[in-house]
Amino acid sequence: MGGHPQGLTPCEREVALLAASQRTPEIAALLGISPRTVENHISRALAKTGTTTRQSLHTHARNSQTNGG
């Protein structure tokens, strides 16, 4: 969590932006990380944002990106 106590880390945000349109194995292949790492990023991002679905997580990440957050 380091420097991102309120928001998503860059890696969490990158995964979140793909979460609505891609399955875990596809995200892992695109980013060159393991499927388990993708799941960890999604789980932490869901908890941080208070969202419950991958679609709502994607929307939150997209909106925070456009709003400078």
PDB file of N, CA and C in Angstrom:
ATOM      1  N   MET A   1       0.824  -1.189   0.000  1.00  0.00           N
ATOM      2  CA  MET A   1       0.000   0.000   0.000  1.00  0.00           C
ATOM      3  C   MET A   1       0.867   1.250   0.000  1.00  0.00           C
ATOM      4  N   GLY A   2       1.961   1.230   0.636  1.00  0.00           N
ATOM      5  CA  GLY A   2       2.966   2.268   0.576  1.00  0.00           C
ATOM      6  C   GLY A   2       2.469   3.675   0.385  1.00  0.00           C
ATOM      7  N   GLY A   3       2.699   4.236  -0.806  1.00  0.00           N
ATOM      8  CA  GLY A   3       2.342   5.617  -1.070  1.00  0.00           C
ATOM      9  C   GLY A   3       0.928   5.825  -1.561  1.00  0.00           C
ATOM     10  N   HIS A   4       0.089   4.816  -1.467  1.00  0.00           N
ATOM     11  CA  HIS A   4      -1.267   4.901  -2.009  1.00  0.00           C
ATOM     12  C   HIS A   4      -2.310   4.481  -0.977  1.00  0.00           C
ATOM     13  N   PRO A   5      -2.302   5.099   0.202  1.00  0.00           N
ATOM     14  CA  PRO A   5      -3.213   4.624   1.243  1.00  0.00           C
ATOM     15  C   PRO A   5      -4.685   4.792   0.896  1.00  0.00           C
ATOM     16  N   GLN A   6      -5.040   5.793   0.136  1.00  0.00           N
ATOM     17  CA  GLN A   6      -6.446   6.031  -0.203  1.00  0.00           C
ATOM     18  C   GLN A   6      -6.818   5.515  -1.585  1.00  0.00           C
ATOM     19  N   GLY A   7      -5.855   5.484  -2.493  1.00  0.00           N
ATOM     20  CA  GLY A   7      -6.170   5.118  -3.860  1.00  0.00           C
ATOM     21  C   GLY A   7      -5.502   3.820  -4.277  1.00  0.00           C
ATOM     22  N   LEU A   8      -5.683   3.509  -5.541  1.00  0.00           N
ATOM     23  CA  LEU A   8      -5.105   2.297  -6.101  1.00  0.00           C
ATOM     24  C   LEU A   8      -3.649   2.525  -6.477  1.00  0.00           C
ATOM     25  N   THR A   9      -2.869   1.477  -6.367  1.00  0.00           N
ATOM     26  CA  THR A   9      -1.498   1.537  -6.861  1.00  0.00           C
ATOM     27  C   THR A   9      -1.564   1.541  -8.388  1.00  0.00           C
ATOM     28  N   PRO A  10      -0.485   1.929  -9.057  1.00  0.00           N
ATOM     29  CA  PRO A  10      -0.497   1.879 -10.528  1.00  0.00           C
ATOM     30  C   PRO A  10      -0.818   0.482 -11.064  1.00  0.00           C
ATOM     31  N   CYS A  11      -0.305  -0.558 -10.444  1.00  0.00           N
ATOM     32  CA  CYS A  11      -0.590  -1.923 -10.900  1.00  0.00           C
ATOM     33  C   CYS A  11      -2.051  -2.297 -10.687  1.00  0.00           C
ATOM     34  N   GLU A  12      -2.588  -1.944  -9.531  1.00  0.00           N
ATOM     35  CA  GLU A  12      -4.009  -2.215  -9.274  1.00  0.00           C
ATOM     36  C   GLU A  12      -4.885  -1.476 -10.264  1.00  0.00           C
ATOM     37  N   ARG A  13      -4.548  -0.230 -10.557  1.00  0.00           N
ATOM     38  CA  ARG A  13      -5.338   0.551 -11.508  1.00  0.00           C
ATOM     39  C   ARG A  13      -5.280  -0.072 -12.905  1.00  0.00           C
ATOM     40  N   GLU A  14      -4.091  -0.503 -13.321  1.00  0.00           N
ATOM     41  CA  GLU A  14      -3.942  -1.110 -14.641  1.00  0.00           C
ATOM     42  C   GLU A  14      -4.806  -2.365 -14.762  1.00  0.00           C
ATOM     43  N   VAL A  15      -4.780  -3.202 -13.741  1.00  0.00           N
ATOM     44  CA  VAL A  15      -5.610  -4.411 -13.741  1.00  0.00           C
ATOM     45  C   VAL A  15      -7.086  -4.039 -13.696  1.00  0.00           C
ATOM     46  N   ALA A  16      -7.440  -3.067 -12.868  1.00  0.00           N
ATOM     47  CA  ALA A  16      -8.838  -2.653 -12.739  1.00  0.00           C
ATOM     48  C   ALA A  16      -9.407  -2.153 -14.060  1.00  0.00           C
ATOM     49  N   LEU A  17      -8.596  -1.458 -14.822  1.00  0.00           N
ATOM     50  CA  LEU A  17      -9.066  -0.933 -16.107  1.00  0.00           C
ATOM     51  C   LEU A  17      -9.351  -2.044 -17.114  1.00  0.00           C
ATOM     52  N   LEU A  18      -8.745  -3.188 -16.913  1.00  0.00           N
ATOM     53  CA  LEU A  18      -8.979  -4.335 -17.805  1.00  0.00           C
ATOM     54  C   LEU A  18     -10.018  -5.311 -17.248  1.00  0.00           C
ATOM     55  N   ALA A  19     -10.340  -5.169 -15.972  1.00  0.00           N
ATOM     56  CA  ALA A  19     -11.136  -6.176 -15.266  1.00  0.00           C
ATOM     57  C   ALA A  19     -12.519  -6.415 -15.843  1.00  0.00           C
ATOM     58  N   ALA A  20     -13.159  -5.400 -16.389  1.00  0.00           N
ATOM     59  CA  ALA A  20     -14.526  -5.564 -16.882  1.00  0.00           C
ATOM     60  C   ALA A  20     -14.580  -6.284 -18.224  1.00  0.00           C
ATOM     61  N   SER A  21     -13.545  -6.119 -19.027  1.00  0.00           N
ATOM     62  CA  SER A  21     -13.604  -6.651 -20.390  1.00  0.00           C
ATOM     63  C   SER A  21     -12.741  -7.886 -20.624  1.00  0.00           C
ATOM     64  N   GLN A  22     -11.907  -8.237 -19.667  1.00  0.00           N
ATOM     65  CA  GLN A  22     -10.993  -9.367 -19.842  1.00  0.00           C
ATOM     66  C   GLN A  22     -11.114 -10.328 -18.673  1.00  0.00           C
ATOM     67  N   ARG A  23     -10.901 -11.606 -18.964  1.00  0.00           N
ATOM     68  CA  ARG A  23     -10.851 -12.611 -17.904  1.00  0.00           C
ATOM     69  C   ARG A  23      -9.464 -12.594 -17.267  1.00  0.00           C
ATOM     70  N   THR A  24      -9.368 -13.153 -16.082  1.00  0.00           N
ATOM     71  CA  THR A  24      -8.105 -13.160 -15.339  1.00  0.00           C
ATOM     72  C   THR A  24      -6.931 -13.702 -16.161  1.00  0.00           C
ATOM     73  N   PRO A  25      -7.061 -14.853 -16.826  1.00  0.00           N
ATOM     74  CA  PRO A  25      -5.915 -15.357 -17.594  1.00  0.00           C
ATOM     75  C   PRO A  25      -5.497 -14.414 -18.741  1.00  0.00           C
ATOM     76  N   GLU A  26      -6.478 -13.749 -19.324  1.00  0.00           N
ATOM     77  CA  GLU A  26      -6.179 -12.807 -20.405  1.00  0.00           C
ATOM     78  C   GLU A  26      -5.424 -11.589 -19.876  1.00  0.00           C
ATOM     79  N   ILE A  27      -5.847 -11.072 -18.716  1.00  0.00           N
ATOM     80  CA  ILE A  27      -5.155  -9.936 -18.098  1.00  0.00           C
ATOM     81  C   ILE A  27      -3.726 -10.350 -17.752  1.00  0.00           C
ATOM     82  N   ALA A  28      -3.571 -11.528 -17.190  1.00  0.00           N
ATOM     83  CA  ALA A  28      -2.245 -12.016 -16.818  1.00  0.00           C
ATOM     84  C   ALA A  28      -1.328 -12.086 -18.037  1.00  0.00           C
ATOM     85  N   ALA A  29      -1.838 -12.618 -19.138  1.00  0.00           N
ATOM     86  CA  ALA A  29      -1.028 -12.723 -20.352  1.00  0.00           C
ATOM     87  C   ALA A  29      -0.674 -11.342 -20.914  1.00  0.00           C
ATOM     88  N   LEU A  30      -1.640 -10.434 -20.909  1.00  0.00           N
ATOM     89  CA  LEU A  30      -1.394  -9.079 -21.421  1.00  0.00           C
ATOM     90  C   LEU A  30      -0.324  -8.344 -20.618  1.00  0.00           C
ATOM     91  N   LEU A  31      -0.351  -8.517 -19.301  1.00  0.00           N
ATOM     92  CA  LEU A  31       0.550  -7.770 -18.427  1.00  0.00           C
ATOM     93  C   LEU A  31       1.813  -8.538 -18.053  1.00  0.00           C
ATOM     94  N   GLY A  32       1.883  -9.811 -18.432  1.00  0.00           N
ATOM     95  CA  GLY A  32       3.064 -10.609 -18.114  1.00  0.00           C
ATOM     96  C   GLY A  32       3.200 -10.922 -16.635  1.00  0.00           C
ATOM     97  N   ILE A  33       2.059 -11.131 -15.967  1.00  0.00           N
ATOM     98  CA  ILE A  33       2.049 -11.489 -14.555  1.00  0.00           C
ATOM     99  C   ILE A  33       1.220 -12.751 -14.390  1.00  0.00           C
ATOM    100  N   SER A  34       1.272 -13.345 -13.211  1.00  0.00           N
ATOM    101  CA  SER A  34       0.528 -14.584 -12.998  1.00  0.00           C
ATOM    102  C   SER A  34      -0.957 -14.293 -12.766  1.00  0.00           C
ATOM    103  N   PRO A  35      -1.819 -15.260 -13.080  1.00  0.00           N
ATOM    104  CA  PRO A  35      -3.246 -15.093 -12.786  1.00  0.00           C
ATOM    105  C   PRO A  35      -3.497 -14.826 -11.301  1.00  0.00           C
ATOM    106  N   ARG A  36      -2.710 -15.436 -10.430  1.00  0.00           N
ATOM    107  CA  ARG A  36      -2.872 -15.212  -8.991  1.00  0.00           C
ATOM    108  C   ARG A  36      -2.572 -13.753  -8.631  1.00  0.00           C
ATOM    109  N   THR A  37      -1.566 -13.172  -9.263  1.00  0.00           N
ATOM    110  CA  THR A  37      -1.249 -11.763  -9.024  1.00  0.00           C
ATOM    111  C   THR A  37      -2.388 -10.877  -9.496  1.00  0.00           C
ATOM    112  N   VAL A  38      -2.990 -11.210 -10.630  1.00  0.00           N
ATOM    113  CA  VAL A  38      -4.151 -10.463 -11.117  1.00  0.00           C
ATOM    114  C   VAL A  38      -5.265 -10.517 -10.081  1.00  0.00           C
ATOM    115  N   GLU A  39      -5.557 -11.714  -9.574  1.00  0.00           N
ATOM    116  CA  GLU A  39      -6.614 -11.864  -8.570  1.00  0.00           C
ATOM    117  C   GLU A  39      -6.295 -11.066  -7.306  1.00  0.00           C
ATOM    118  N   ASN A  40      -5.032 -11.063  -6.896  1.00  0.00           N
ATOM    119  CA  ASN A  40      -4.636 -10.288  -5.717  1.00  0.00           C
ATOM    120  C   ASN A  40      -4.866  -8.798  -5.944  1.00  0.00           C
ATOM    121  N   HIS A  41      -4.477  -8.296  -7.113  1.00  0.00           N
ATOM    122  CA  HIS A  41      -4.689  -6.878  -7.430  1.00  0.00           C
ATOM    123  C   HIS A  41      -6.179  -6.544  -7.434  1.00  0.00           C
ATOM    124  N   ILE A  42      -6.985  -7.414  -8.029  1.00  0.00           N
ATOM    125  CA  ILE A  42      -8.430  -7.169  -8.074  1.00  0.00           C
ATOM    126  C   ILE A  42      -9.016  -7.179  -6.671  1.00  0.00           C
ATOM    127  N   SER A  43      -8.641  -8.151  -5.860  1.00  0.00           N
ATOM    128  CA  SER A  43      -9.168  -8.229  -4.491  1.00  0.00           C
ATOM    129  C   SER A  43      -8.825  -6.985  -3.680  1.00  0.00           C
ATOM    130  N   ARG A  44      -7.568  -6.558  -3.749  1.00  0.00           N
ATOM    131  CA  ARG A  44      -7.162  -5.365  -3.000  1.00  0.00           C
ATOM    132  C   ARG A  44      -7.870  -4.127  -3.524  1.00  0.00           C
ATOM    133  N   ALA A  45      -8.005  -4.025  -4.850  1.00  0.00           N
ATOM    134  CA  ALA A  45      -8.663  -2.854  -5.442  1.00  0.00           C
ATOM    135  C   ALA A  45     -10.146  -2.816  -5.073  1.00  0.00           C
ATOM    136  N   LEU A  46     -10.809  -3.967  -5.075  1.00  0.00           N
ATOM    137  CA  LEU A  46     -12.217  -4.013  -4.658  1.00  0.00           C
ATOM    138  C   LEU A  46     -12.362  -3.534  -3.223  1.00  0.00           C
ATOM    139  N   ALA A  47     -11.470  -3.998  -2.351  1.00  0.00           N
ATOM    140  CA  ALA A  47     -11.536  -3.604  -0.941  1.00  0.00           C
ATOM    141  C   ALA A  47     -11.271  -2.108  -0.770  1.00  0.00           C
ATOM    142  N   LYS A  48     -10.271  -1.588  -1.475  1.00  0.00           N
ATOM    143  CA  LYS A  48      -9.923  -0.174  -1.347  1.00  0.00           C
ATOM    144  C   LYS A  48     -11.030   0.734  -1.847  1.00  0.00           C
ATOM    145  N   THR A  49     -11.702   0.333  -2.916  1.00  0.00           N
ATOM    146  CA  THR A  49     -12.709   1.197  -3.530  1.00  0.00           C
ATOM    147  C   THR A  49     -14.105   0.970  -2.980  1.00  0.00           C
ATOM    148  N   GLY A  50     -14.292  -0.117  -2.254  1.00  0.00           N
ATOM    149  CA  GLY A  50     -15.619  -0.426  -1.732  1.00  0.00           C
ATOM    150  C   GLY A  50     -16.572  -0.923  -2.810  1.00  0.00           C
ATOM    151  N   THR A  51     -16.039  -1.329  -3.944  1.00  0.00           N
ATOM    152  CA  THR A  51     -16.871  -1.867  -5.012  1.00  0.00           C
ATOM    153  C   THR A  51     -16.984  -3.374  -4.856  1.00  0.00           C
ATOM    154  N   THR A  52     -17.957  -3.957  -5.538  1.00  0.00           N
ATOM    155  CA  THR A  52     -18.196  -5.392  -5.371  1.00  0.00           C
ATOM    156  C   THR A  52     -18.127  -6.182  -6.666  1.00  0.00           C
ATOM    157  N   THR A  53     -18.056  -5.507  -7.799  1.00  0.00           N
ATOM    158  CA  THR A  53     -17.983  -6.216  -9.077  1.00  0.00           C
ATOM    159  C   THR A  53     -16.818  -5.683  -9.892  1.00  0.00           C
ATOM    160  N   ARG A  54     -16.377  -6.486 -10.844  1.00  0.00           N
ATOM    161  CA  ARG A  54     -15.283  -6.055 -11.716  1.00  0.00           C
ATOM    162  C   ARG A  54     -15.713  -4.865 -12.578  1.00  0.00           C
ATOM    163  N   GLN A  55     -16.978  -4.839 -12.975  1.00  0.00           N
ATOM    164  CA  GLN A  55     -17.472  -3.720 -13.778  1.00  0.00           C
ATOM    165  C   GLN A  55     -17.436  -2.424 -12.972  1.00  0.00           C
ATOM    166  N   SER A  56     -17.912  -2.469 -11.727  1.00  0.00           N
ATOM    167  CA  SER A  56     -17.898  -1.253 -10.914  1.00  0.00           C
ATOM    168  C   SER A  56     -16.469  -0.844 -10.562  1.00  0.00           C
ATOM    169  N   LEU A  57     -15.580  -1.807 -10.397  1.00  0.00           N
ATOM    170  CA  LEU A  57     -14.166  -1.499 -10.164  1.00  0.00           C
ATOM    171  C   LEU A  57     -13.574  -0.791 -11.376  1.00  0.00           C
ATOM    172  N   HIS A  58     -13.867  -1.302 -12.559  1.00  0.00           N
ATOM    173  CA  HIS A  58     -13.391  -0.671 -13.795  1.00  0.00           C
ATOM    174  C   HIS A  58     -13.882   0.776 -13.882  1.00  0.00           C
ATOM    175  N   THR A  59     -15.161   0.985 -13.617  1.00  0.00           N
ATOM    176  CA  THR A  59     -15.740   2.330 -13.679  1.00  0.00           C
ATOM    177  C   THR A  59     -15.056   3.254 -12.675  1.00  0.00           C
ATOM    178  N   HIS A  60     -14.836   2.788 -11.473  1.00  0.00           N
ATOM    179  CA  HIS A  60     -14.164   3.590 -10.447  1.00  0.00           C
ATOM    180  C   HIS A  60     -12.753   3.962 -10.892  1.00  0.00           C
ATOM    181  N   ALA A  61     -12.010   2.985 -11.405  1.00  0.00           N
ATOM    182  CA  ALA A  61     -10.635   3.235 -11.843  1.00  0.00           C
ATOM    183  C   ALA A  61     -10.605   4.220 -13.010  1.00  0.00           C
ATOM    184  N   ARG A  62     -11.525   4.070 -13.941  1.00  0.00           N
ATOM    185  CA  ARG A  62     -11.593   4.968 -15.095  1.00  0.00           C
ATOM    186  C   ARG A  62     -11.933   6.382 -14.636  1.00  0.00           C
ATOM    187  N   ASN A  63     -12.898   6.519 -13.748  1.00  0.00           N
ATOM    188  CA  ASN A  63     -13.292   7.840 -13.274  1.00  0.00           C
ATOM    189  C   ASN A  63     -12.190   8.495 -12.455  1.00  0.00           C
ATOM    190  N   SER A  64     -11.498   7.744 -11.622  1.00  0.00           N
ATOM    191  CA  SER A  64     -10.428   8.334 -10.817  1.00  0.00           C
ATOM    192  C   SER A  64      -9.248   8.731 -11.699  1.00  0.00           C
ATOM    193  N   GLN A  65      -9.050   8.012 -12.788  1.00  0.00           N
ATOM    194  CA  GLN A  65      -7.971   8.336 -13.728  1.00  0.00           C
ATOM    195  C   GLN A  65      -8.279   9.650 -14.443  1.00  0.00           C
ATOM    196  N   THR A  66      -9.504   9.847 -14.869  1.00  0.00           N
ATOM    197  CA  THR A  66      -9.872  11.062 -15.587  1.00  0.00           C
ATOM    198  C   THR A  66      -9.999  12.259 -14.663  1.00  0.00           C
ATOM    199  N   ASN A  67     -10.187  11.986 -13.353  1.00  0.00           N
ATOM    200  CA  ASN A  67     -10.301  13.062 -12.370  1.00  0.00           C
ATOM    201  C   ASN A  67      -8.968  13.336 -11.670  1.00  0.00           C
ATOM    202  N   GLY A  68      -7.898  12.769 -12.189  1.00  0.00           N
ATOM    203  CA  GLY A  68      -6.588  13.022 -11.627  1.00  0.00           C
ATOM    204  C   GLY A  68      -6.261  12.244 -10.381  1.00  0.00           C
ATOM    205  N   GLY A  69      -7.094  11.266 -10.028  1.00  0.00           N
ATOM    206  CA  GLY A  69      -6.847  10.493  -8.817  1.00  0.00           C
ATOM    207  C   GLY A  69      -6.229   9.246  -9.088  1.00  0.00           C
TER     208      GLY A  69
END
